[in-house]
C-alpha atoms as a PDB file:
ATOM      1  CA  MET A   1      -8.629 -28.416 -51.906  1.00  0.00           C
ATOM      2  CA  LYS A   2     -11.730 -29.882 -49.494  1.00  0.00           C
ATOM      3  CA  LYS A   3      -9.538 -31.140 -47.152  1.00  0.00           C
ATOM      4  CA  LEU A   4      -7.861 -27.506 -46.869  1.00  0.00           C
ATOM      5  CA  ILE A   5     -11.249 -26.146 -45.901  1.00  0.00           C
ATOM      6  CA  ILE A   6     -11.883 -28.287 -43.363  1.00  0.00           C
ATOM      7  CA  PHE A   7      -9.240 -27.773 -41.668  1.00  0.00           C
ATOM      8  CA  LEU A   8      -8.859 -24.201 -41.727  1.00  0.00           C
ATOM      9  CA  LEU A   9     -12.879 -24.062 -40.371  1.00  0.00           C
ATOM     10  CA  ILE A  10     -11.260 -26.390 -37.585  1.00  0.00           C
ATOM     11  CA  VAL A  11      -8.424 -23.655 -36.920  1.00  0.00           C
ATOM     12  CA  MET A  12     -11.127 -20.739 -36.637  1.00  0.00           C
ATOM     13  CA  PHE A  13     -13.632 -22.577 -34.786  1.00  0.00           C
ATOM     14  CA  LEU A  14     -10.866 -23.645 -31.755  1.00  0.00           C
ATOM     15  CA  SER A  15      -9.274 -19.550 -32.416  1.00  0.00           C
ATOM     16  CA  GLY A  16     -13.006 -18.956 -31.704  1.00  0.00           C
ATOM     17  CA  CYS A  17     -12.656 -21.157 -28.397  1.00  0.00           C
ATOM     18  CA  GLY A  18     -10.172 -19.714 -27.416  1.00  0.00           C
ATOM     19  CA  LYS A  19     -11.291 -16.200 -27.215  1.00  0.00           C
ATOM     20  CA  ASN A  20     -14.403 -16.896 -26.173  1.00  0.00           C
ATOM     21  CA  ASN A  21     -12.806 -18.756 -23.357  1.00  0.00           C
ATOM     22  CA  GLU A  22     -10.991 -15.518 -22.678  1.00  0.00           C
ATOM     23  CA  LYS A  23     -13.641 -13.572 -22.606  1.00  0.00           C
ATOM     24  CA  ASP A  24     -15.506 -16.057 -20.132  1.00  0.00           C
ATOM     25  CA  ILE A  25     -12.941 -16.222 -17.598  1.00  0.00           C
ATOM     26  CA  ILE A  26     -12.017 -12.953 -17.448  1.00  0.00           C
ATOM     27  CA  LYS A  27     -16.302 -12.315 -17.562  1.00  0.00           C
ATOM     28  CA  ASP A  28     -16.460 -14.943 -14.433  1.00  0.00           C
ATOM     29  CA  LEU A  29     -13.682 -13.545 -12.048  1.00  0.00           C
ATOM     30  CA  SER A  30     -15.004  -9.700 -12.818  1.00  0.00           C
ATOM     31  CA  LYS A  31     -18.882 -11.254 -11.489  1.00  0.00           C
ATOM     32  CA  LYS A  32     -17.625 -12.862  -8.734  1.00  0.00           C
ATOM     33  CA  ILE A  33     -15.893  -9.757  -7.651  1.00  0.00           C
ATOM     34  CA  ASN A  34     -17.902  -7.184  -8.337  1.00  0.00           C
ATOM     35  CA  ASN A  35     -20.905  -8.778  -7.459  1.00  0.00           C
ATOM     36  CA  THR A  36     -19.882 -10.092  -3.985  1.00  0.00           C
ATOM     37  CA  ASP A  37     -21.354  -8.445  -0.601  1.00  0.00           C
ATOM     38  CA  ALA A  38     -18.451  -9.175   1.178  1.00  0.00           C
ATOM     39  CA  TYR A  39     -15.431 -11.452   0.895  1.00  0.00           C
ATOM     40  CA  HIS A  40     -11.902 -12.128   3.626  1.00  0.00           C
ATOM     41  CA  MET A  41      -8.952 -12.720   1.582  1.00  0.00           C
ATOM     42  CA  THR A  42      -5.225 -13.551   3.274  1.00  0.00           C
ATOM     43  CA  GLY A  43      -2.087 -13.520   1.991  1.00  0.00           C
ATOM     44  CA  THR A  44       1.725 -12.338   2.129  1.00  0.00           C
ATOM     45  CA  LEU A  45       2.928  -9.607   0.747  1.00  0.00           C
ATOM     46  CA  GLU A  46       6.387  -8.755  -0.623  1.00  0.00           C
ATOM     47  CA  ILE A  47       7.815  -5.278  -1.505  1.00  0.00           C
ATOM     48  CA  TYR A  48      11.075  -4.806  -2.925  1.00  0.00           C
ATOM     49  CA  ARG A  49      12.223  -0.755  -1.960  1.00  0.00           C
ATOM     50  CA  ASN A  50      15.889  -0.083  -2.757  1.00  0.00           C
ATOM     51  CA  GLU A  51      17.178  -3.372  -3.232  1.00  0.00           C
ATOM     52  CA  GLU A  52      15.404  -4.517   0.059  1.00  0.00           C
ATOM     53  CA  LYS A  53      12.363  -6.612   0.763  1.00  0.00           C
ATOM     54  CA  TYR A  54       9.753  -5.864   3.082  1.00  0.00           C
ATOM     55  CA  THR A  55       7.321  -8.502   3.731  1.00  0.00           C
ATOM     56  CA  TYR A  56       3.766  -8.511   5.708  1.00  0.00           C
ATOM     57  CA  ASP A  57       0.636 -10.766   6.331  1.00  0.00           C
ATOM     58  CA  VAL A  58      -1.765  -9.370   4.724  1.00  0.00           C
ATOM     59  CA  ASP A  59      -5.836  -9.527   6.091  1.00  0.00           C
ATOM     60  CA  SER A  60      -8.375  -7.749   3.421  1.00  0.00           C
ATOM     61  CA  SER A  61     -11.990  -7.649   4.001  1.00  0.00           C
ATOM     62  CA  TYR A  62     -14.875  -5.940   1.425  1.00  0.00           C
ATOM     63  CA  ARG A  63     -18.592  -5.045   2.788  1.00  0.00           C
ATOM     64  CA  LYS A  64     -20.829  -3.717   0.640  1.00  0.00           C
ATOM     65  CA  GLN A  65     -21.648   0.036   0.576  1.00  0.00           C
ATOM     66  CA  ASP A  66     -17.690   0.745   0.141  1.00  0.00           C
ATOM     67  CA  ASN A  67     -16.216  -0.593   3.534  1.00  0.00           C
ATOM     68  CA  TYR A  68     -12.476  -2.080   3.545  1.00  0.00           C
ATOM     69  CA  LYS A  69     -10.207  -2.459   6.414  1.00  0.00           C
ATOM     70  CA  VAL A  70      -6.638  -4.231   5.347  1.00  0.00           C
ATOM     71  CA  SER A  71      -4.692  -5.531   8.410  1.00  0.00           C
ATOM     72  CA  LEU A  72      -0.677  -5.267   7.594  1.00  0.00           C
ATOM     73  CA  ILE A  73       1.863  -7.452   9.762  1.00  0.00           C
ATOM     74  CA  ASN A  74       4.859  -6.367   9.490  1.00  0.00           C
ATOM     75  CA  LYS A  75       7.051  -9.743   9.729  1.00  0.00           C
ATOM     76  CA  ASN A  76      10.415  -8.084  10.338  1.00  0.00           C
ATOM     77  CA  ASN A  77       8.758  -6.170  13.736  1.00  0.00           C
ATOM     78  CA  ASN A  78       5.544  -7.844  14.019  1.00  0.00           C
ATOM     79  CA  HIS A  79       3.591  -4.627  14.077  1.00  0.00           C
ATOM     80  CA  GLU A  80       0.362  -4.521  12.536  1.00  0.00           C
ATOM     81  CA  GLN A  81      -0.849  -1.204  10.833  1.00  0.00           C
ATOM     82  CA  ILE A  82      -4.876  -1.446   9.733  1.00  0.00           C
ATOM     83  CA  ILE A  83      -6.133   0.900   7.080  1.00  0.00           C
ATOM     84  CA  LEU A  84      -9.815   1.124   7.438  1.00  0.00           C
ATOM     85  CA  LYS A  85     -12.253   2.307   5.203  1.00  0.00           C
ATOM     86  CA  ASN A  86     -16.312   3.437   5.743  1.00  0.00           C
ATOM     87  CA  GLU A  87     -18.866   5.324   4.242  1.00  0.00           C
ATOM     88  CA  LYS A  88     -17.534   8.603   6.126  1.00  0.00           C
ATOM     89  CA  ASN A  89     -13.527   8.083   6.081  1.00  0.00           C
ATOM     90  CA  VAL A  90     -10.549   6.635   5.576  1.00  0.00           C
ATOM     91  CA  TYR A  91      -8.141   5.787   8.301  1.00  0.00           C
ATOM     92  CA  VAL A  92      -4.878   4.315   9.359  1.00  0.00           C
ATOM     93  CA  LEU A  93      -4.338   3.251  12.670  1.00  0.00           C
ATOM     94  CA  THR A  94      -1.132   1.541  14.788  1.00  0.00           C
ATOM     95  CA  PRO A  95      -2.274   0.397  17.240  1.00  0.00           C
ATOM     96  CA  ALA A  96       0.909  -0.777  18.779  1.00  0.00           C
ATOM     97  CA  LEU A  97       2.032   2.961  18.908  1.00  0.00           C
ATOM     98  CA  ASN A  98      -1.290   4.938  19.914  1.00  0.00           C
ATOM     99  CA  LYS A  99      -1.431   6.168  16.315  1.00  0.00           C
ATOM    100  CA  SER A 100      -4.110   6.925  13.444  1.00  0.00           C
ATOM    101  CA  PHE A 101      -4.212   8.752  10.409  1.00  0.00           C
ATOM    102  CA  LYS A 102      -7.556   9.879   9.020  1.00  0.00           C
ATOM    103  CA  PHE A 103      -7.707  10.972   5.571  1.00  0.00           C
ATOM    104  CA  GLN A 104      -9.497  12.887   3.075  1.00  0.00           C
ATOM    105  CA  SER A 105      -9.403  10.934   0.576  1.00  0.00           C
ATOM    106  CA  ASP A 106     -10.615   8.495  -2.447  1.00  0.00           C
ATOM    107  CA  TRP A 107      -8.976   5.256  -1.361  1.00  0.00           C
ATOM    108  CA  PRO A 108      -9.446   2.963  -2.761  1.00  0.00           C
ATOM    109  CA  ASN A 109     -10.810   3.984  -5.598  1.00  0.00           C
ATOM    110  CA  ASN A 110      -8.247   6.527  -6.913  1.00  0.00           C
ATOM    111  CA  ASN A 111      -5.171   4.085  -7.494  1.00  0.00           C
ATOM    112  CA  SER A 112      -4.220   0.472  -8.100  1.00  0.00           C
ATOM    113  CA  GLN A 113      -4.330  -1.653  -5.276  1.00  0.00           C
ATOM    114  CA  ILE A 114      -2.097  -4.946  -4.897  1.00  0.00           C
ATOM    115  CA  TYR A 115      -4.514  -6.328  -2.168  1.00  0.00           C
ATOM    116  CA  LEU A 116      -7.889  -5.917  -2.911  1.00  0.00           C
ATOM    117  CA  LEU A 117      -9.978  -7.468  -5.438  1.00  0.00           C
ATOM    118  CA  GLN A 118     -12.526  -4.063  -6.951  1.00  0.00           C
ATOM    119  CA  PRO A 119      -9.186  -2.697  -8.072  1.00  0.00           C
ATOM    120  CA  ILE A 120      -7.299  -5.280  -9.674  1.00  0.00           C
ATOM    121  CA  ILE A 121     -10.318  -6.388 -11.907  1.00  0.00           C
ATOM    122  CA  ALA A 122     -10.793  -2.824 -12.438  1.00  0.00           C
ATOM    123  CA  ASP A 123      -7.543  -2.587 -14.318  1.00  0.00           C
ATOM    124  CA  ILE A 124      -7.903  -5.873 -16.011  1.00  0.00           C
ATOM    125  CA  ASN A 125     -11.411  -4.588 -17.283  1.00  0.00           C
ATOM    126  CA  ASN A 126      -9.662  -0.935 -18.601  1.00  0.00           C
ATOM    127  CA  ASP A 127      -6.914  -2.266 -20.524  1.00  0.00           C
ATOM    128  CA  ALA A 128      -8.673  -2.944 -24.004  1.00  0.00           C
ATOM    129  CA  ASP A 129      -4.446  -4.556 -24.383  1.00  0.00           C
ATOM    130  CA  LYS A 130      -4.542  -6.774 -21.711  1.00  0.00           C
ATOM    131  CA  ILE A 131      -2.659  -9.656 -22.440  1.00  0.00           C
ATOM    132  CA  PHE A 132      -4.488 -13.578 -21.738  1.00  0.00           C
ATOM    133  CA  GLU A 133      -2.348 -16.847 -21.193  1.00  0.00           C
ATOM    134  CA  LYS A 134      -2.613 -20.524 -19.761  1.00  0.00           C
ATOM    135  CA  ASP A 135      -0.341 -21.315 -16.923  1.00  0.00           C
ATOM    136  CA  GLY A 136      -0.732 -24.993 -16.712  1.00  0.00           C
ATOM    137  CA  ASN A 137      -3.894 -25.942 -15.312  1.00  0.00           C
ATOM    138  CA  GLY A 138      -4.567 -22.033 -15.090  1.00  0.00           C
ATOM    139  CA  TYR A 139      -4.255 -18.577 -16.364  1.00  0.00           C
ATOM    140  CA  ILE A 140      -2.449 -15.698 -16.171  1.00  0.00           C
ATOM    141  CA  ILE A 141      -3.550 -12.137 -17.399  1.00  0.00           C
ATOM    142  CA  THR A 142      -1.405  -9.006 -17.708  1.00  0.00           C
ATOM    143  CA  SER A 143      -2.748  -5.396 -17.382  1.00  0.00           C
ATOM    144  CA  LYS A 144      -1.524  -2.626 -17.221  1.00  0.00           C
ATOM    145  CA  VAL A 145      -1.656  -0.475 -13.518  1.00  0.00           C
ATOM    146  CA  ASN A 146      -2.228   3.160 -12.115  1.00  0.00           C
ATOM    147  CA  TYR A 147      -0.326   3.538  -8.759  1.00  0.00           C
ATOM    148  CA  GLY A 148       0.003   7.038  -8.235  1.00  0.00           C
ATOM    149  CA  THR A 149       3.471   9.081  -7.972  1.00  0.00           C
ATOM    150  CA  GLU A 150       4.861   5.436  -8.599  1.00  0.00           C
ATOM    151  CA  ARG A 151       4.796   5.793 -12.310  1.00  0.00           C
ATOM    152  CA  ASP A 152       7.355   3.157 -13.123  1.00  0.00           C
ATOM    153  CA  PHE A 153       4.830   0.772 -12.175  1.00  0.00           C
ATOM    154  CA  LYS A 154       3.782  -0.187 -15.261  1.00  0.00           C
ATOM    155  CA  ASN A 155       1.893  -3.547 -15.364  1.00  0.00           C
ATOM    156  CA  GLN A 156       0.243  -6.360 -12.748  1.00  0.00           C
ATOM    157  CA  LYS A 157       0.245 -10.322 -13.572  1.00  0.00           C
ATOM    158  CA  VAL A 158      -2.809 -12.372 -11.949  1.00  0.00           C
ATOM    159  CA  TYR A 159      -2.062 -15.982 -11.318  1.00  0.00           C
ATOM    160  CA  LEU A 160      -5.697 -17.813 -11.525  1.00  0.00           C
ATOM    161  CA  ASP A 161      -5.393 -21.582 -10.689  1.00  0.00           C
ATOM    162  CA  LYS A 162      -8.044 -23.498 -12.530  1.00  0.00           C
ATOM    163  CA  ASP A 163     -10.973 -22.749 -10.946  1.00  0.00           C
ATOM    164  CA  LYS A 164     -10.531 -19.151 -11.908  1.00  0.00           C
ATOM    165  CA  ASN A 165      -9.197 -18.216  -8.141  1.00  0.00           C
ATOM    166  CA  ILE A 166      -6.547 -15.702  -7.730  1.00  0.00           C
ATOM    167  CA  THR A 167      -3.838 -17.392  -6.651  1.00  0.00           C
ATOM    168  CA  LYS A 168      -0.617 -14.400  -6.849  1.00  0.00           C
ATOM    169  CA  VAL A 169      -0.505 -10.902  -7.988  1.00  0.00           C
ATOM    170  CA  GLU A 170       2.869  -9.165  -9.423  1.00  0.00           C
ATOM    171  CA  VAL A 171       3.368  -5.942  -9.987  1.00  0.00           C
ATOM    172  CA  LEU A 172       6.669  -4.669 -12.506  1.00  0.00           C
ATOM    173  CA  ASP A 173       8.025  -1.821 -12.986  1.00  0.00           C
ATOM    174  CA  SER A 174       9.137  -1.021 -17.031  1.00  0.00           C
ATOM    175  CA  ASN A 175      12.174  -3.188 -16.648  1.00  0.00           C
ATOM    176  CA  LYS A 176      10.036  -6.027 -15.307  1.00  0.00           C
ATOM    177  CA  ASN A 177      11.186  -6.353 -12.682  1.00  0.00           C
ATOM    178  CA  ILE A 178       8.748  -7.433  -9.584  1.00  0.00           C
ATOM    179  CA  LYS A 179       8.417  -4.114  -7.292  1.00  0.00           C
ATOM    180  CA  MET A 180       5.348  -6.258  -5.037  1.00  0.00           C
ATOM    181  CA  ARG A 181       3.908  -9.777  -4.700  1.00  0.00           C
ATOM    182  CA  LEU A 182       0.682 -10.407  -3.371  1.00  0.00           C
ATOM    183  CA  ILE A 183       0.698 -14.585  -2.349  1.00  0.00           C
ATOM    184  CA  VAL A 184      -2.794 -15.350  -1.589  1.00  0.00           C
ATOM    185  CA  THR A 185      -3.264 -18.472   1.027  1.00  0.00           C
ATOM    186  CA  ASN A 186      -7.294 -17.576   0.775  1.00  0.00           C
ATOM    187  CA  ILE A 187     -10.797 -16.122  -0.257  1.00  0.00           C
ATOM    188  CA  ASP A 188     -14.286 -16.288   1.436  1.00  0.00           C
ATOM    189  CA  TYR A 189     -16.731 -14.495  -1.127  1.00  0.00           C
ATOM    190  CA  LYS A 190     -19.151 -15.237   1.672  1.00  0.00           C
ATOM    191  CA  ALA A 191     -17.389 -13.818   4.825  1.00  0.00           C
ATOM    192  CA  LYS A 192     -19.561 -12.552   7.548  1.00  0.00           C
ATOM    193  CA  PHE A 193     -18.434  -9.905   9.898  1.00  0.00           C
ATOM    194  CA  ASP A 194     -19.382  -8.702  13.149  1.00  0.00           C
ATOM    195  CA  GLU A 195     -21.515  -5.253  12.945  1.00  0.00           C
ATOM    196  CA  ASP A 196     -18.823  -3.120  14.527  1.00  0.00           C
ATOM    197  CA  TYR A 197     -16.339  -4.249  12.017  1.00  0.00           C
ATOM    198  CA  PHE A 198     -15.875  -1.267  10.000  1.00  0.00           C
ATOM    199  CA  ASP A 199     -16.482   0.959  12.457  1.00  0.00           C
ATOM    200  CA  ILE A 200     -13.374   3.081  13.899  1.00  0.00           C
ATOM    201  CA  ASN A 201     -14.384   3.349  16.989  1.00  0.00           C
ATOM    202  CA  ARG A 202     -14.100  -0.417  17.816  1.00  0.00           C
ATOM    203  CA  TYR A 203     -10.467   0.417  16.996  1.00  0.00           C
ATOM    204  CA  GLN A 204      -9.618   3.604  18.844  1.00  0.00           C
ATOM    205  CA  LYS A 205     -11.205   1.819  22.382  1.00  0.00           C
ATOM    206  CA  GLU A 206      -8.277  -0.668  21.401  1.00  0.00           C
ATOM    207  CA  ILE A 207      -5.980   1.757  21.261  1.00  0.00           C
ATOM    208  CA  GLN A 208      -7.429   3.258  24.702  1.00  0.00           C
ATOM    209  CA  ASN A 209      -7.022  -0.016  26.837  1.00  0.00           C
ATOM    210  CA  ASN A 210      -3.657   0.049  25.225  1.00  0.00           C
ATOM    211  CA  ILE A 211      -2.594   3.146  26.490  1.00  0.00           C
ATOM    212  CA  GLU A 212      -4.989   2.347  30.254  1.00  0.00           C
ATOM    213  CA  ASN A 213      -2.517  -0.566  30.356  1.00  0.00           C
ATOM    214  CA  GLN A 214       0.328   0.997  30.213  1.00  0.00           C
ATOM    215  CA  SER A 215       0.700   2.127  34.041  1.00  0.00           C
ATOM    216  CA  SER A 216       4.597   3.740  32.913  1.00  0.00           C
ATOM    217  CA  SER A 217       3.806   5.430  30.117  1.00  0.00           C
ATOM    218  CA  GLU A 218       2.444   8.421  32.518  1.00  0.00           C
ATOM    219  CA  ASN A 219       5.373  11.526  32.700  1.00  0.00           C
ATOM    220  CA  LYS A 220       7.462   9.295  30.432  1.00  0.00           C
ATOM    221  CA  THR A 221       9.783  11.352  27.782  1.00  0.00           C
ATOM    222  CA  SER A 222      12.118   9.901  25.134  1.00  0.00           C
ATOM    223  CA  THR A 223      14.805  10.985  23.518  1.00  0.00           C
ATOM    224  CA  LEU A 224      16.226  10.688  19.893  1.00  0.00           C
ATOM    225  CA  THR A 225      18.455   7.707  19.748  1.00  0.00           C
ATOM    226  CA  GLU A 226      19.918   8.857  16.289  1.00  0.00           C
ATOM    227  CA  ILE A 227      19.506  11.091  13.716  1.00  0.00           C
ATOM    228  CA  VAL A 228      18.603   9.681  10.393  1.00  0.00           C
ATOM    229  CA  TYR A 229      19.131  11.303   7.278  1.00  0.00           C
ATOM    230  CA  PRO A 230      18.477  10.860   3.685  1.00  0.00           C
ATOM    231  CA  MET A 231      20.794   9.382   1.384  1.00  0.00           C
ATOM    232  CA  TYR A 232      18.991  10.608  -1.762  1.00  0.00           C
ATOM    233  CA  LEU A 233      19.813  14.071  -2.102  1.00  0.00           C
ATOM    234  CA  PRO A 234      18.224  16.482  -5.336  1.00  0.00           C
ATOM    235  CA  ILE A 235      21.162  17.940  -7.947  1.00  0.00           C
ATOM    236  CA  ASP A 236      22.902  21.430  -5.696  1.00  0.00           C
ATOM    237  CA  THR A 237      20.896  20.176  -2.820  1.00  0.00           C
ATOM    238  CA  LYS A 238      22.570  20.063   0.605  1.00  0.00           C
ATOM    239  CA  LEU A 239      22.125  20.073   4.532  1.00  0.00           C
ATOM    240  CA  THR A 240      21.895  23.682   5.612  1.00  0.00           C
ATOM    241  CA  GLY A 241      20.240  23.455   8.898  1.00  0.00           C
ATOM    242  CA  GLU A 242      19.954  20.856  12.042  1.00  0.00           C
ATOM    243  CA  ASN A 243      18.173  21.588  15.424  1.00  0.00           C
ATOM    244  CA  ILE A 244      17.287  19.639  17.963  1.00  0.00           C
ATOM    245  CA  ILE A 245      14.439  20.804  20.335  1.00  0.00           C
ATOM    246  CA  LYS A 246      13.352  19.209  23.383  1.00  0.00           C
ATOM    247  CA  THR A 247       9.278  18.523  23.811  1.00  0.00           C
ATOM    248  CA  ASP A 248       6.909  18.027  26.396  1.00  0.00           C
ATOM    249  CA  ASP A 249       6.690  14.644  25.719  1.00  0.00           C
ATOM    250  CA  GLY A 250      10.964  13.605  24.164  1.00  0.00           C
ATOM    251  CA  GLU A 251      12.662  15.240  21.522  1.00  0.00           C
ATOM    252  CA  ARG A 252      12.025  16.753  17.892  1.00  0.00           C
ATOM    253  CA  ALA A 253      15.104  17.075  14.801  1.00  0.00           C
ATOM    254  CA  ILE A 254      14.612  19.426  12.408  1.00  0.00           C
ATOM    255  CA  LEU A 255      16.669  19.099   9.114  1.00  0.00           C
ATOM    256  CA  THR A 256      16.885  21.976   6.662  1.00  0.00           C
ATOM    257  CA  PHE A 257      17.954  21.139   3.267  1.00  0.00           C
ATOM    258  CA  GLY A 258      18.731  24.307   0.967  1.00  0.00           C
ATOM    259  CA  GLY A 259      19.320  24.381  -2.979  1.00  0.00           C
ATOM    260  CA  GLU A 260      17.224  24.624  -5.858  1.00  0.00           C
ATOM    261  CA  SER A 261      15.227  21.861  -4.396  1.00  0.00           C
ATOM    262  CA  SER A 262      14.756  22.838  -1.131  1.00  0.00           C
ATOM    263  CA  PHE A 263      12.787  20.386   1.848  1.00  0.00           C
ATOM    264  CA  THR A 264      12.847  19.778   5.404  1.00  0.00           C
ATOM    265  CA  ILE A 265      12.979  16.625   7.465  1.00  0.00           C
ATOM    266  CA  VAL A 266      11.166  16.436  10.700  1.00  0.00           C
ATOM    267  CA  GLN A 267      11.898  13.667  12.986  1.00  0.00           C
ATOM    268  CA  GLU A 268       9.727  13.052  16.699  1.00  0.00           C
ATOM    269  CA  THR A 269       9.691  10.712  19.323  1.00  0.00           C
ATOM    270  CA  LEU A 270       5.928   9.811  19.760  1.00  0.00           C
ATOM    271  CA  LYS A 271       3.888  10.644  22.222  1.00  0.00           C
ATOM    272  CA  ASP A 272       2.480   7.960  24.773  1.00  0.00           C
ATOM    273  CA  THR A 273      -1.025   9.267  24.419  1.00  0.00           C
ATOM    274  CA  ALA A 274      -3.179   8.605  21.559  1.00  0.00           C
ATOM    275  CA  SER A 275      -3.788  11.170  18.896  1.00  0.00           C
ATOM    276  CA  THR A 276      -5.013  11.466  15.368  1.00  0.00           C
ATOM    277  CA  ASN A 277      -3.229  13.284  12.315  1.00  0.00           C
ATOM    278  CA  TYR A 278      -5.539  14.783   9.523  1.00  0.00           C
ATOM    279  CA  VAL A 279      -4.939  14.798   6.040  1.00  0.00           C
ATOM    280  CA  TYR A 280      -5.458  15.793   2.954  1.00  0.00           C
ATOM    281  CA  GLY A 281      -3.833  12.750   0.850  1.00  0.00           C
ATOM    282  CA  ASP A 282      -3.850   8.862   0.423  1.00  0.00           C
ATOM    283  CA  PRO A 283      -2.390   6.375   2.326  1.00  0.00           C
ATOM    284  CA  TYR A 284       0.612   4.850   0.913  1.00  0.00           C
ATOM    285  CA  LEU A 285       2.965   1.648   2.037  1.00  0.00           C
ATOM    286  CA  ILE A 286       6.481   3.861   2.988  1.00  0.00           C
ATOM    287  CA  LEU A 287       9.469   1.468   3.623  1.00  0.00           C
ATOM    288  CA  ASP A 288       8.566  -0.151   6.419  1.00  0.00           C
ATOM    289  CA  THR A 289       4.985   1.025   6.975  1.00  0.00           C
ATOM    290  CA  VAL A 290       2.326   2.385   5.676  1.00  0.00           C
ATOM    291  CA  GLY A 291       1.859   6.521   5.966  1.00  0.00           C
ATOM    292  CA  ALA A 292       0.545   9.294   4.452  1.00  0.00           C
ATOM    293  CA  ILE A 293       1.335  11.147   1.122  1.00  0.00           C
ATOM    294  CA  THR A 294      -0.252  14.469   0.034  1.00  0.00           C
ATOM    295  CA  ASP A 295       0.867  17.210  -2.715  1.00  0.00           C
ATOM    296  CA  SER A 296       3.735  18.681  -0.328  1.00  0.00           C
ATOM    297  CA  SER A 297       4.373  15.855   2.036  1.00  0.00           C
ATOM    298  CA  VAL A 298       5.302  12.623   3.273  1.00  0.00           C
ATOM    299  CA  SER A 299       4.722  10.854   6.793  1.00  0.00           C
ATOM    300  CA  TRP A 300       5.488   8.069   8.552  1.00  0.00           C
ATOM    301  CA  ILE A 301       6.065   6.218  11.568  1.00  0.00           C
ATOM    302  CA  SER A 302       9.149   3.522  11.789  1.00  0.00           C
ATOM    303  CA  ASN A 303      10.683   2.454  14.676  1.00  0.00           C
ATOM    304  CA  GLY A 304       9.032   4.673  17.465  1.00  0.00           C
ATOM    305  CA  VAL A 305       9.774   7.845  15.556  1.00  0.00           C
ATOM    306  CA  GLU A 306       7.536  10.148  13.295  1.00  0.00           C
ATOM    307  CA  TYR A 307       9.338  11.074   9.716  1.00  0.00           C
ATOM    308  CA  SER A 308       7.981  14.282   7.820  1.00  0.00           C
ATOM    309  CA  VAL A 309       9.259  15.329   4.762  1.00  0.00           C
ATOM    310  CA  MET A 310       7.653  18.455   3.543  1.00  0.00           C
ATOM    311  CA  SER A 311       8.805  20.453   0.525  1.00  0.00           C
ATOM    312  CA  ASP A 312       6.923  23.607  -1.197  1.00  0.00           C
ATOM    313  CA  VAL A 313       9.175  23.244  -4.597  1.00  0.00           C
ATOM    314  CA  MET A 314       9.628  19.979  -5.042  1.00  0.00           C
ATOM    315  CA  ASP A 315       7.307  17.602  -7.110  1.00  0.00           C
ATOM    316  CA  ILE A 316       5.978  14.891  -4.923  1.00  0.00           C
ATOM    317  CA  ASP A 317       7.615  11.765  -7.031  1.00  0.00           C
ATOM    318  CA  GLU A 318      11.556  13.696  -6.135  1.00  0.00           C
ATOM    319  CA  LEU A 319       9.749  14.162  -2.170  1.00  0.00           C
ATOM    320  CA  LEU A 320       8.832  10.477  -2.337  1.00  0.00           C
ATOM    321  CA  THR A 321      12.447   9.894  -3.633  1.00  0.00           C
ATOM    322  CA  VAL A 322      13.993  11.243  -0.990  1.00  0.00           C
ATOM    323  CA  ALA A 323      11.098   9.855   2.043  1.00  0.00           C
ATOM    324  CA  GLN A 324      12.331   6.401   0.643  1.00  0.00           C
ATOM    325  CA  SER A 325      16.123   6.902   0.849  1.00  0.00           C
ATOM    326  CA  VAL A 326      16.557   7.439   4.389  1.00  0.00           C
ATOM    327  CA  SER A 327      18.553   5.259   6.193  1.00  0.00           C
ATOM    328  CA  VAL A 328      21.040   5.215   9.632  1.00  0.00           C
ATOM    329  CA  LYS A 329      23.976   6.405   7.342  1.00  0.00           C
ATOM    330  CA  ALA A 330      24.712   9.819   7.270  1.00  0.00           C
ATOM    331  CA  ILE A 331      25.130  12.182   4.252  1.00  0.00           C
ATOM    332  CA  SER A 332      28.121  14.402   4.099  1.00  0.00           C
ATOM    333  CA  LYS A 333      27.446  18.137   5.133  1.00  0.00           C
END
């Protein structure tokens, strides 16, 4: 009997240590992230959509007082896009295309974000049912996520090494398929940045310099090499109209789809001058690029063409499904 009591006490002691260890690790990680004045993180982001994989080099920066900068370089075409947040506004810039979006948005605080540390730790702390497990010399923490319109994104798995550093983050759907994976190469919690590092004027000057260096761009017009159609259509919805309009800078194609779930797709060649779209919505990764999503539209730029999908009757989930199904293979008319 005495041996049994001693055995039970040892088990209880070890169990208590395990729980405290779990709490301490999460507490230390939270403190490291939330108490830092600045950090700089680099890594590789993989996104899986429609049986395709998109890969980006990621460079994420933070400085206290709500300053964020995320650089995403598409490894397929080497185009860089920048998501910039300062005390005033949120922007998405595509320097190579002289294009920017200005958002009225609560990004990054309104949804989960795989490439920023604060939303990652917030998802962990907000989930009372999170799962903590040992993984060799490290740890894995699984928690619920909130990716807004991506309702099938259910969980994130955060991998830590033995020193409680984040090495990898995976976002999984309801079938436990990996939809996004961030492989972290380095995190510097004592990062220093130039005074204007989060100032939009710095990057707009770079765009203006690009334009001035493109001497051949004056009076240049371009054409749509191919009209792009969606591979997904809602039930009882079909293509009812197709118009191509000449503009001062190129062409604009307007595709009208009629039915119970009517919508419009606009495709337009980009202007060679710098331009900014004002959006009451959020930055969003759409196919191979960062675009803009609102309650009734999805917009993005790909291969030198600006796309917009708009509807007054469809919900944003289905509208986003249409946008993500865009392909060069034409649907039957």
